[in-house]
Amino acid sequence: MLRLGDSPTLPFQDVCVSLDLETTGFDTHKDHIIEIGAVKFKGNSDLGTFHSFINPYRTLSAFITQFTGITQSEVDEAPSFGLVAKELETFIGNSPVIGHNVSFDLGFLAAAGLNLSNPSYDTFEMASVFLPSARGYSQVALIRMLQLDHERAHR
């Protein structure tokens, strides 16, 4: 119970992990993770990064290569998800996970065998609450609206 004068700790004042995956498609039953990127942060402080390409042991479609910029040789030379899963799990720890449509990323991790029970926060949902006048809530639309510098929306 909060008392007068107490200051609640907001989730983003704690250590959080921003997570983004790239995959071979949208179906967790037939598609696979091809890239994992994560940033651990507290407030404006970057506390570390995690990055790995993942070998899906299949040929990437021309659409996925164009959409993500990830090449066949990058994934062919990459480890399997099983070889990086424990390192990713350790990196995330018990920290809240933040991502744009984060349920997509968490669903793919679960399908690959890494079930996280961490609190999660969806920036797509947050944007719809905090930026109700936005024309769209895709990463690209929000980057343009907020006039942020970003080279590739899907990397």
Protein backbone atom coordinates (compact mmCIF):
# COMPACT_ATOMS: atom_id res chain seq x y z
CA MET A 1 0.00 0.00 0.00
CA LEU A 2 1.34 3.44 -0.89
CA ARG A 3 1.35 6.12 1.76
CA LEU A 4 1.28 9.84 1.19
CA GLY A 5 4.76 10.88 0.16
CA ASP A 6 5.71 7.43 -1.15
CA SER A 7 6.88 7.35 -4.72
CA PRO A 8 5.94 4.24 -6.71
CA THR A 9 8.63 2.67 -8.86
CA LEU A 10 7.59 2.86 -12.49
CA PRO A 11 8.48 -0.13 -14.68
CA PHE A 12 10.86 1.90 -16.84
CA GLN A 13 12.86 3.03 -13.83
CA ASP A 14 13.97 -0.59 -13.44
CA VAL A 15 16.29 -2.54 -15.68
CA CYS A 16 14.34 -3.53 -18.81
CA VAL A 17 15.19 -5.42 -21.99
CA SER A 18 14.07 -4.23 -25.41
CA LEU A 19 13.66 -7.28 -27.66
CA ASP A 20 13.26 -7.66 -31.40
CA LEU A 21 13.30 -10.79 -33.55
CA GLU A 22 13.38 -11.29 -37.26
CA THR A 23 11.82 -14.48 -38.61
CA THR A 24 11.28 -16.39 -41.83
CA GLY A 25 7.56 -15.55 -41.67
CA PHE A 26 4.64 -14.99 -39.32
CA ASP A 27 3.60 -18.54 -38.36
CA THR A 28 5.19 -19.92 -35.17
CA HIS A 29 4.34 -23.47 -36.31
CA LYS A 30 6.27 -23.38 -39.60
CA ASP A 31 8.55 -20.32 -39.54
CA HIS A 32 11.80 -19.79 -37.65
CA ILE A 33 13.82 -17.09 -35.92
CA ILE A 34 16.69 -15.72 -38.02
CA GLU A 35 17.90 -12.84 -35.85
CA ILE A 36 17.68 -11.80 -32.20
CA GLY A 37 18.51 -8.33 -30.99
CA ALA A 38 18.15 -7.14 -27.41
CA VAL A 39 19.23 -4.09 -25.44
CA LYS A 40 19.30 -4.00 -21.65
CA PHE A 41 18.72 -0.51 -20.28
CA LYS A 42 17.73 1.50 -17.25
CA GLY A 43 16.24 4.90 -18.02
CA ASN A 44 18.52 6.39 -20.66
CA SER A 45 21.50 4.18 -19.75
CA ASP A 46 22.47 1.34 -22.08
CA LEU A 47 23.55 -1.60 -19.92
CA GLY A 48 24.46 -4.03 -22.69
CA THR A 49 23.38 -5.64 -25.92
CA PHE A 50 22.72 -9.14 -27.22
CA HIS A 51 22.78 -9.97 -30.90
CA SER A 52 22.86 -13.16 -32.90
CA PHE A 53 21.81 -14.35 -36.29
CA ILE A 54 20.13 -17.76 -36.08
CA ASN A 55 20.43 -20.54 -38.64
CA PRO A 56 16.91 -21.65 -39.66
CA TYR A 57 18.35 -24.48 -41.78
CA ARG A 58 16.27 -23.38 -44.75
CA THR A 59 16.51 -20.98 -47.66
CA LEU A 60 15.29 -17.46 -46.94
CA SER A 61 12.61 -16.17 -49.28
CA ALA A 62 13.42 -13.20 -51.48
CA PHE A 63 10.73 -11.26 -49.59
CA ILE A 64 12.33 -11.89 -46.17
CA THR A 65 15.80 -11.02 -47.48
CA GLN A 66 14.49 -7.75 -48.93
CA PHE A 67 12.26 -6.98 -45.91
CA THR A 68 14.96 -7.59 -43.26
CA GLY A 69 18.19 -7.10 -45.20
CA ILE A 70 19.43 -10.40 -43.75
CA THR A 71 21.35 -12.52 -46.25
CA GLN A 72 21.42 -16.27 -46.69
CA SER A 73 25.13 -16.36 -45.90
CA GLU A 74 24.56 -14.54 -42.58
CA VAL A 75 22.13 -17.21 -41.38
CA ASP A 76 24.02 -20.14 -42.93
CA GLU A 77 27.08 -19.19 -40.83
CA ALA A 78 25.01 -18.61 -37.67
CA PRO A 79 24.43 -20.96 -34.73
CA SER A 80 21.15 -22.77 -34.12
CA PHE A 81 18.68 -21.25 -31.67
CA GLY A 82 19.49 -24.00 -29.18
CA LEU A 83 23.10 -22.83 -28.99
CA VAL A 84 22.17 -19.25 -28.04
CA ALA A 85 18.95 -19.77 -26.05
CA LYS A 86 20.60 -20.07 -22.62
CA GLU A 87 22.78 -17.00 -23.24
CA LEU A 88 19.69 -15.00 -24.27
CA GLU A 89 17.74 -16.23 -21.25
CA THR A 90 20.60 -15.20 -18.96
CA PHE A 91 20.88 -11.80 -20.66
CA ILE A 92 17.16 -11.11 -20.17
CA GLY A 93 17.04 -12.54 -16.65
CA ASN A 94 13.95 -11.44 -14.73
CA SER A 95 13.79 -8.03 -16.41
CA PRO A 96 10.60 -6.81 -18.06
CA VAL A 97 10.65 -7.30 -21.84
CA ILE A 98 9.65 -4.43 -24.10
CA GLY A 99 8.97 -4.66 -27.82
CA HIS A 100 6.82 -3.53 -30.71
CA ASN A 101 4.14 -6.23 -30.95
CA VAL A 102 6.12 -8.07 -28.28
CA SER A 103 3.70 -11.01 -28.19
CA PHE A 104 4.96 -11.94 -31.69
CA ASP A 105 8.55 -12.12 -30.44
CA LEU A 106 7.67 -13.94 -27.22
CA GLY A 107 5.53 -16.40 -29.21
CA PHE A 108 8.45 -17.27 -31.48
CA LEU A 109 10.77 -17.69 -28.50
CA ALA A 110 8.23 -20.00 -26.85
CA ALA A 111 7.79 -22.02 -30.06
CA ALA A 112 11.58 -22.42 -30.15
CA GLY A 113 11.60 -23.65 -26.54
CA LEU A 114 12.31 -20.50 -24.52
CA ASN A 115 9.24 -19.67 -22.44
CA LEU A 116 9.69 -16.37 -20.63
CA SER A 117 7.33 -15.44 -17.80
CA ASN A 118 8.73 -11.92 -17.47
CA PRO A 119 6.40 -8.93 -17.45
CA SER A 120 6.11 -7.56 -20.98
CA TYR A 121 5.20 -4.18 -22.41
CA ASP A 122 4.06 -3.65 -25.97
CA THR A 123 5.19 -0.37 -27.54
CA PHE A 124 2.54 -0.75 -30.28
CA GLU A 125 -0.19 -0.72 -27.61
CA MET A 126 1.54 2.08 -25.68
CA ALA A 127 1.73 4.21 -28.81
CA SER A 128 -2.00 3.85 -29.40
CA VAL A 129 -2.63 5.15 -25.87
CA PHE A 130 0.00 7.90 -25.70
CA LEU A 131 -0.18 9.02 -29.33
CA PRO A 132 -3.88 8.72 -30.22
CA SER A 133 -3.59 11.14 -33.12
CA ALA A 134 -0.91 9.12 -34.92
CA ARG A 135 -1.81 8.06 -38.44
CA GLY A 136 -0.44 4.59 -37.77
CA TYR A 137 1.42 2.64 -35.14
CA SER A 138 3.93 0.68 -37.20
CA GLN A 139 7.57 1.29 -36.34
CA VAL A 140 8.05 3.20 -39.58
CA ALA A 141 5.01 5.42 -39.00
CA LEU A 142 6.07 6.22 -35.43
CA ILE A 143 9.68 6.92 -36.44
CA ARG A 144 8.46 9.40 -39.06
CA MET A 145 5.94 11.04 -36.72
CA LEU A 146 8.50 11.45 -33.93
CA GLN A 147 11.17 12.53 -36.44
CA LEU A 148 13.68 9.97 -35.20
CA ASP A 149 16.79 8.85 -37.05
CA HIS A 150 16.67 5.17 -37.92
CA GLU A 151 18.33 3.46 -40.85
CA ARG A 152 16.32 0.23 -41.05
CA ALA A 153 13.01 -0.40 -39.34
CA HIS A 154 13.47 -4.17 -39.35
CA ARG A 155 17.02 -4.38 -38.03
